[in-house]
Amino acid sequence: MTTNKFSPLFRLILKALKYFMFIVLGFTFAACLSGILGTSHIAISLFPLVFECIWRSGIVLIGLAGASVVIESFR
């Protein structure tokens, strides 16, 4: 029998960080591919919007991760 010693919040943050990294790598791959295929003007026009969303999501996830670490340390 396996027991899970982490709180549900900590597991949620780890899963969210994993998918956040997948999203960042996916956008990086798409930007590189658009440069190769010659459609970089589309990626350049969408870059400010995508960067703003990724930046804000990253800040929220880092804050939640810090809170989760503090909560886990009190347990």
PDB file of N, CA and C in Angstrom:
ATOM      1  N   MET A   1       0.839  -1.172   0.000  1.00  0.00           N
ATOM      2  CA  MET A   1       0.000   0.000   0.000  1.00  0.00           C
ATOM      3  C   MET A   1       0.890   1.243   0.000  1.00  0.00           C
ATOM      4  N   THR A   2       0.602   2.149  -0.920  1.00  0.00           N
ATOM      5  CA  THR A   2       1.382   3.371  -1.042  1.00  0.00           C
ATOM      6  C   THR A   2       0.640   4.517  -0.371  1.00  0.00           C
ATOM      7  N   THR A   3       1.333   5.226   0.489  1.00  0.00           N
ATOM      8  CA  THR A   3       0.728   6.403   1.106  1.00  0.00           C
ATOM      9  C   THR A   3       1.316   7.646   0.466  1.00  0.00           C
ATOM     10  N   ASN A   4       0.478   8.627   0.257  1.00  0.00           N
ATOM     11  CA  ASN A   4       0.931   9.874  -0.334  1.00  0.00           C
ATOM     12  C   ASN A   4       1.141  10.874   0.781  1.00  0.00           C
ATOM     13  N   LYS A   5       2.378  11.300   0.993  1.00  0.00           N
ATOM     14  CA  LYS A   5       2.691  12.151   2.127  1.00  0.00           C
ATOM     15  C   LYS A   5       2.577  13.638   1.819  1.00  0.00           C
ATOM     16  N   PHE A   6       2.249  14.005   0.586  1.00  0.00           N
ATOM     17  CA  PHE A   6       2.102  15.412   0.236  1.00  0.00           C
ATOM     18  C   PHE A   6       0.637  15.819   0.256  1.00  0.00           C
ATOM     19  N   SER A   7       0.394  17.090   0.540  1.00  0.00           N
ATOM     20  CA  SER A   7      -0.966  17.605   0.584  1.00  0.00           C
ATOM     21  C   SER A   7      -1.532  17.731  -0.833  1.00  0.00           C
ATOM     22  N   PRO A   8      -2.843  17.779  -0.935  1.00  0.00           N
ATOM     23  CA  PRO A   8      -3.444  17.941  -2.265  1.00  0.00           C
ATOM     24  C   PRO A   8      -3.030  19.239  -2.956  1.00  0.00           C
ATOM     25  N   LEU A   9      -2.817  20.308  -2.173  1.00  0.00           N
ATOM     26  CA  LEU A   9      -2.377  21.574  -2.761  1.00  0.00           C
ATOM     27  C   LEU A   9      -0.995  21.423  -3.392  1.00  0.00           C
ATOM     28  N   PHE A  10      -0.102  20.747  -2.716  1.00  0.00           N
ATOM     29  CA  PHE A  10       1.254  20.550  -3.237  1.00  0.00           C
ATOM     30  C   PHE A  10       1.227  19.715  -4.513  1.00  0.00           C
ATOM     31  N   ARG A  11       0.424  18.667  -4.533  1.00  0.00           N
ATOM     32  CA  ARG A  11       0.306  17.842  -5.738  1.00  0.00           C
ATOM     33  C   ARG A  11      -0.303  18.632  -6.892  1.00  0.00           C
ATOM     34  N   LEU A  12      -1.275  19.502  -6.591  1.00  0.00           N
ATOM     35  CA  LEU A  12      -1.887  20.332  -7.620  1.00  0.00           C
ATOM     36  C   LEU A  12      -0.879  21.312  -8.204  1.00  0.00           C
ATOM     37  N   ILE A  13      -0.060  21.918  -7.349  1.00  0.00           N
ATOM     38  CA  ILE A  13       0.950  22.861  -7.814  1.00  0.00           C
ATOM     39  C   ILE A  13       1.983  22.152  -8.692  1.00  0.00           C
ATOM     40  N   LEU A  14       2.402  20.953  -8.295  1.00  0.00           N
ATOM     41  CA  LEU A  14       3.365  20.217  -9.110  1.00  0.00           C
ATOM     42  C   LEU A  14       2.799  19.881 -10.486  1.00  0.00           C
ATOM     43  N   LYS A  15       1.534  19.486 -10.518  1.00  0.00           N
ATOM     44  CA  LYS A  15       0.897  19.173 -11.798  1.00  0.00           C
ATOM     45  C   LYS A  15       0.748  20.433 -12.645  1.00  0.00           C
ATOM     46  N   ALA A  16       0.378  21.551 -12.012  1.00  0.00           N
ATOM     47  CA  ALA A  16       0.230  22.811 -12.749  1.00  0.00           C
ATOM     48  C   ALA A  16       1.570  23.285 -13.293  1.00  0.00           C
ATOM     49  N   LEU A  17       2.640  23.148 -12.509  1.00  0.00           N
ATOM     50  CA  LEU A  17       3.964  23.533 -12.981  1.00  0.00           C
ATOM     51  C   LEU A  17       4.421  22.664 -14.152  1.00  0.00           C
ATOM     52  N   LYS A  18       4.086  21.394 -14.096  1.00  0.00           N
ATOM     53  CA  LYS A  18       4.446  20.493 -15.192  1.00  0.00           C
ATOM     54  C   LYS A  18       3.762  20.928 -16.488  1.00  0.00           C
ATOM     55  N   TYR A  19       2.465  21.210 -16.435  1.00  0.00           N
ATOM     56  CA  TYR A  19       1.751  21.619 -17.631  1.00  0.00           C
ATOM     57  C   TYR A  19       2.150  23.026 -18.070  1.00  0.00           C
ATOM     58  N   PHE A  20       2.520  23.868 -17.127  1.00  0.00           N
ATOM     59  CA  PHE A  20       3.012  25.195 -17.469  1.00  0.00           C
ATOM     60  C   PHE A  20       4.299  25.087 -18.281  1.00  0.00           C
ATOM     61  N   MET A  21       5.185  24.206 -17.870  1.00  0.00           N
ATOM     62  CA  MET A  21       6.432  24.013 -18.613  1.00  0.00           C
ATOM     63  C   MET A  21       6.154  23.425 -20.001  1.00  0.00           C
ATOM     64  N   PHE A  22       5.180  22.524 -20.099  1.00  0.00           N
ATOM     65  CA  PHE A  22       4.796  22.001 -21.417  1.00  0.00           C
ATOM     66  C   PHE A  22       4.292  23.122 -22.324  1.00  0.00           C
ATOM     67  N   ILE A  23       3.514  24.045 -21.775  1.00  0.00           N
ATOM     68  CA  ILE A  23       2.986  25.151 -22.556  1.00  0.00           C
ATOM     69  C   ILE A  23       4.117  26.058 -23.026  1.00  0.00           C
ATOM     70  N   VAL A  24       5.041  26.373 -22.130  1.00  0.00           N
ATOM     71  CA  VAL A  24       6.172  27.243 -22.491  1.00  0.00           C
ATOM     72  C   VAL A  24       7.020  26.580 -23.580  1.00  0.00           C
ATOM     73  N   LEU A  25       7.307  25.303 -23.420  1.00  0.00           N
ATOM     74  CA  LEU A  25       8.089  24.600 -24.442  1.00  0.00           C
ATOM     75  C   LEU A  25       7.322  24.501 -25.761  1.00  0.00           C
ATOM     76  N   GLY A  26       6.024  24.333 -25.693  1.00  0.00           N
ATOM     77  CA  GLY A  26       5.210  24.277 -26.905  1.00  0.00           C
ATOM     78  C   GLY A  26       5.213  25.590 -27.662  1.00  0.00           C
ATOM     79  N   PHE A  27       5.079  26.698 -26.937  1.00  0.00           N
ATOM     80  CA  PHE A  27       5.135  28.000 -27.600  1.00  0.00           C
ATOM     81  C   PHE A  27       6.521  28.270 -28.181  1.00  0.00           C
ATOM     82  N   THR A  28       7.559  27.840 -27.478  1.00  0.00           N
ATOM     83  CA  THR A  28       8.916  28.005 -27.993  1.00  0.00           C
ATOM     84  C   THR A  28       9.102  27.210 -29.274  1.00  0.00           C
ATOM     85  N   PHE A  29       8.637  25.981 -29.274  1.00  0.00           N
ATOM     86  CA  PHE A  29       8.727  25.127 -30.456  1.00  0.00           C
ATOM     87  C   PHE A  29       7.923  25.723 -31.610  1.00  0.00           C
ATOM     88  N   ALA A  30       6.723  26.235 -31.324  1.00  0.00           N
ATOM     89  CA  ALA A  30       5.887  26.823 -32.373  1.00  0.00           C
ATOM     90  C   ALA A  30       6.533  28.078 -32.948  1.00  0.00           C
ATOM     91  N   ALA A  31       7.172  28.882 -32.105  1.00  0.00           N
ATOM     92  CA  ALA A  31       7.834  30.090 -32.604  1.00  0.00           C
ATOM     93  C   ALA A  31       9.023  29.730 -33.496  1.00  0.00           C
ATOM     94  N   CYS A  32       9.797  28.735 -33.085  1.00  0.00           N
ATOM     95  CA  CYS A  32      10.927  28.295 -33.910  1.00  0.00           C
ATOM     96  C   CYS A  32      10.435  27.710 -35.231  1.00  0.00           C
ATOM     97  N   LEU A  33       9.383  26.934 -35.184  1.00  0.00           N
ATOM     98  CA  LEU A  33       8.839  26.326 -36.396  1.00  0.00           C
ATOM     99  C   LEU A  33       8.259  27.381 -37.332  1.00  0.00           C
ATOM    100  N   SER A  34       7.633  28.409 -36.771  1.00  0.00           N
ATOM    101  CA  SER A  34       7.090  29.460 -37.638  1.00  0.00           C
ATOM    102  C   SER A  34       8.209  30.251 -38.306  1.00  0.00           C
ATOM    103  N   GLY A  35       9.332  30.392 -37.621  1.00  0.00           N
ATOM    104  CA  GLY A  35      10.479  31.059 -38.248  1.00  0.00           C
ATOM    105  C   GLY A  35      11.041  30.245 -39.389  1.00  0.00           C
ATOM    106  N   ILE A  36      11.073  28.939 -39.224  1.00  0.00           N
ATOM    107  CA  ILE A  36      11.587  28.064 -40.274  1.00  0.00           C
ATOM    108  C   ILE A  36      10.657  28.051 -41.484  1.00  0.00           C
ATOM    109  N   LEU A  37       9.347  28.039 -41.223  1.00  0.00           N
ATOM    110  CA  LEU A  37       8.375  27.952 -42.316  1.00  0.00           C
ATOM    111  C   LEU A  37       8.063  29.300 -42.960  1.00  0.00           C
ATOM    112  N   GLY A  38       8.591  30.376 -42.399  1.00  0.00           N
ATOM    113  CA  GLY A  38       8.393  31.680 -43.015  1.00  0.00           C
ATOM    114  C   GLY A  38       7.141  32.405 -42.587  1.00  0.00           C
ATOM    115  N   THR A  39       6.519  31.976 -41.546  1.00  0.00           N
ATOM    116  CA  THR A  39       5.320  32.652 -41.052  1.00  0.00           C
ATOM    117  C   THR A  39       5.603  33.334 -39.722  1.00  0.00           C
ATOM    118  N   SER A  40       6.783  33.873 -39.602  1.00  0.00           N
ATOM    119  CA  SER A  40       7.178  34.468 -38.330  1.00  0.00           C
ATOM    120  C   SER A  40       6.409  35.741 -38.011  1.00  0.00           C
ATOM    121  N   HIS A  41       5.817  36.401 -39.012  1.00  0.00           N
ATOM    122  CA  HIS A  41       5.050  37.608 -38.739  1.00  0.00           C
ATOM    123  C   HIS A  41       3.837  37.311 -37.859  1.00  0.00           C
ATOM    124  N   ILE A  42       3.282  36.115 -37.976  1.00  0.00           N
ATOM    125  CA  ILE A  42       2.155  35.723 -37.118  1.00  0.00           C
ATOM    126  C   ILE A  42       2.635  35.535 -35.688  1.00  0.00           C
ATOM    127  N   ALA A  43       3.754  34.858 -35.519  1.00  0.00           N
ATOM    128  CA  ALA A  43       4.301  34.633 -34.180  1.00  0.00           C
ATOM    129  C   ALA A  43       4.725  35.946 -33.534  1.00  0.00           C
ATOM    130  N   ILE A  44       5.295  36.848 -34.317  1.00  0.00           N
ATOM    131  CA  ILE A  44       5.729  38.130 -33.777  1.00  0.00           C
ATOM    132  C   ILE A  44       4.532  38.960 -33.332  1.00  0.00           C
ATOM    133  N   SER A  45       3.435  38.905 -34.068  1.00  0.00           N
ATOM    134  CA  SER A  45       2.259  39.686 -33.688  1.00  0.00           C
ATOM    135  C   SER A  45       1.565  39.106 -32.458  1.00  0.00           C
ATOM    136  N   LEU A  46       1.655  37.799 -32.249  1.00  0.00           N
ATOM    137  CA  LEU A  46       1.028  37.174 -31.082  1.00  0.00           C
ATOM    138  C   LEU A  46       1.933  37.145 -29.858  1.00  0.00           C
ATOM    139  N   PHE A  47       3.208  37.421 -30.037  1.00  0.00           N
ATOM    140  CA  PHE A  47       4.166  37.300 -28.938  1.00  0.00           C
ATOM    141  C   PHE A  47       3.832  38.165 -27.720  1.00  0.00           C
ATOM    142  N   PRO A  48       3.447  39.441 -27.863  1.00  0.00           N
ATOM    143  CA  PRO A  48       3.142  40.231 -26.660  1.00  0.00           C
ATOM    144  C   PRO A  48       1.992  39.651 -25.836  1.00  0.00           C
ATOM    145  N   LEU A  49       0.955  39.175 -26.494  1.00  0.00           N
ATOM    146  CA  LEU A  49      -0.184  38.597 -25.778  1.00  0.00           C
ATOM    147  C   LEU A  49       0.205  37.306 -25.072  1.00  0.00           C
ATOM    148  N   VAL A  50       0.911  36.444 -25.763  1.00  0.00           N
ATOM    149  CA  VAL A  50       1.334  35.167 -25.193  1.00  0.00           C
ATOM    150  C   VAL A  50       2.312  35.389 -24.044  1.00  0.00           C
ATOM    151  N   PHE A  51       3.260  36.313 -24.234  1.00  0.00           N
ATOM    152  CA  PHE A  51       4.244  36.595 -23.185  1.00  0.00           C
ATOM    153  C   PHE A  51       3.574  37.132 -21.933  1.00  0.00           C
ATOM    154  N   GLU A  52       2.576  37.991 -22.106  1.00  0.00           N
ATOM    155  CA  GLU A  52       1.868  38.541 -20.950  1.00  0.00           C
ATOM    156  C   GLU A  52       1.126  37.445 -20.179  1.00  0.00           C
ATOM    157  N   CYS A  53       0.460  36.552 -20.888  1.00  0.00           N
ATOM    158  CA  CYS A  53      -0.266  35.458 -20.222  1.00  0.00           C
ATOM    159  C   CYS A  53       0.697  34.513 -19.517  1.00  0.00           C
ATOM    160  N   ILE A  54       1.790  34.170 -20.176  1.00  0.00           N
ATOM    161  CA  ILE A  54       2.762  33.251 -19.572  1.00  0.00           C
ATOM    162  C   ILE A  54       3.423  33.901 -18.365  1.00  0.00           C
ATOM    163  N   TRP A  55       3.749  35.174 -18.461  1.00  0.00           N
ATOM    164  CA  TRP A  55       4.395  35.882 -17.361  1.00  0.00           C
ATOM    165  C   TRP A  55       3.492  35.904 -16.124  1.00  0.00           C
ATOM    166  N   ARG A  56       2.237  36.269 -16.312  1.00  0.00           N
ATOM    167  CA  ARG A  56       1.308  36.342 -15.173  1.00  0.00           C
ATOM    168  C   ARG A  56       1.027  34.958 -14.590  1.00  0.00           C
ATOM    169  N   SER A  57       0.861  33.973 -15.442  1.00  0.00           N
ATOM    170  CA  SER A  57       0.632  32.612 -14.953  1.00  0.00           C
ATOM    171  C   SER A  57       1.838  32.098 -14.178  1.00  0.00           C
ATOM    172  N   GLY A  58       3.027  32.401 -14.657  1.00  0.00           N
ATOM    173  CA  GLY A  58       4.241  31.983 -13.960  1.00  0.00           C
ATOM    174  C   GLY A  58       4.356  32.621 -12.585  1.00  0.00           C
ATOM    175  N   ILE A  59       4.045  33.897 -12.482  1.00  0.00           N
ATOM    176  CA  ILE A  59       4.098  34.581 -11.186  1.00  0.00           C
ATOM    177  C   ILE A  59       3.091  33.974 -10.212  1.00  0.00           C
ATOM    178  N   VAL A  60       1.888  33.697 -10.692  1.00  0.00           N
ATOM    179  CA  VAL A  60       0.861  33.088  -9.829  1.00  0.00           C
ATOM    180  C   VAL A  60       1.302  31.700  -9.375  1.00  0.00           C
ATOM    181  N   LEU A  61       1.850  30.908 -10.279  1.00  0.00           N
ATOM    182  CA  LEU A  61       2.288  29.561  -9.921  1.00  0.00           C
ATOM    183  C   LEU A  61       3.456  29.580  -8.943  1.00  0.00           C
ATOM    184  N   ILE A  62       4.383  30.507  -9.115  1.00  0.00           N
ATOM    185  CA  ILE A  62       5.503  30.602  -8.180  1.00  0.00           C
ATOM    186  C   ILE A  62       5.008  31.027  -6.800  1.00  0.00           C
ATOM    187  N   GLY A  63       4.056  31.955  -6.756  1.00  0.00           N
ATOM    188  CA  GLY A  63       3.479  32.361  -5.470  1.00  0.00           C
ATOM    189  C   GLY A  63       2.746  31.220  -4.780  1.00  0.00           C
ATOM    190  N   LEU A  64       1.970  30.469  -5.546  1.00  0.00           N
ATOM    191  CA  LEU A  64       1.267  29.321  -4.980  1.00  0.00           C
ATOM    192  C   LEU A  64       2.234  28.235  -4.527  1.00  0.00           C
ATOM    193  N   ALA A  65       3.307  28.054  -5.278  1.00  0.00           N
ATOM    194  CA  ALA A  65       4.309  27.065  -4.875  1.00  0.00           C
ATOM    195  C   ALA A  65       4.965  27.475  -3.568  1.00  0.00           C
ATOM    196  N   GLY A  66       5.265  28.750  -3.418  1.00  0.00           N
ATOM    197  CA  GLY A  66       5.840  29.233  -2.164  1.00  0.00           C
ATOM    198  C   GLY A  66       4.895  29.056  -0.996  1.00  0.00           C
ATOM    199  N   ALA A  67       3.624  29.357  -1.208  1.00  0.00           N
ATOM    200  CA  ALA A  67       2.634  29.156  -0.153  1.00  0.00           C
ATOM    201  C   ALA A  67       2.493  27.686   0.203  1.00  0.00           C
ATOM    202  N   SER A  68       2.541  26.841  -0.808  1.00  0.00           N
ATOM    203  CA  SER A  68       2.420  25.407  -0.582  1.00  0.00           C
ATOM    204  C   SER A  68       3.622  24.872   0.213  1.00  0.00           C
ATOM    205  N   VAL A  69       4.811  25.381  -0.073  1.00  0.00           N
ATOM    206  CA  VAL A  69       5.994  24.955   0.657  1.00  0.00           C
ATOM    207  C   VAL A  69       5.896  25.392   2.115  1.00  0.00           C
ATOM    208  N   VAL A  70       5.411  26.606   2.342  1.00  0.00           N
ATOM    209  CA  VAL A  70       5.259  27.098   3.723  1.00  0.00           C
ATOM    210  C   VAL A  70       4.223  26.256   4.462  1.00  0.00           C
ATOM    211  N   ILE A  71       3.114  25.950   3.813  1.00  0.00           N
ATOM    212  CA  ILE A  71       2.092  25.119   4.453  1.00  0.00           C
ATOM    213  C   ILE A  71       2.616  23.724   4.756  1.00  0.00           C
ATOM    214  N   GLU A  72       3.385  23.149   3.807  1.00  0.00           N
ATOM    215  CA  GLU A  72       3.952  21.822   4.048  1.00  0.00           C
ATOM    216  C   GLU A  72       4.982  21.832   5.185  1.00  0.00           C
ATOM    217  N   SER A  73       5.682  22.935   5.345  1.00  0.00           N
ATOM    218  CA  SER A  73       6.687  22.979   6.409  1.00  0.00           C
ATOM    219  C   SER A  73       6.042  23.057   7.802  1.00  0.00           C
ATOM    220  N   PHE A  74       4.828  23.584   7.863  1.00  0.00           N
ATOM    221  CA  PHE A  74       4.126  23.641   9.141  1.00  0.00           C
ATOM    222  C   PHE A  74       3.494  22.304   9.521  1.00  0.00           C
ATOM    223  N   ARG A  75       3.321  21.416   8.559  1.00  0.00           N
ATOM    224  CA  ARG A  75       2.690  20.113   8.844  1.00  0.00           C
ATOM    225  C   ARG A  75       3.580  19.209   9.602  1.00  0.00           C
TER     226      ARG A  75
END
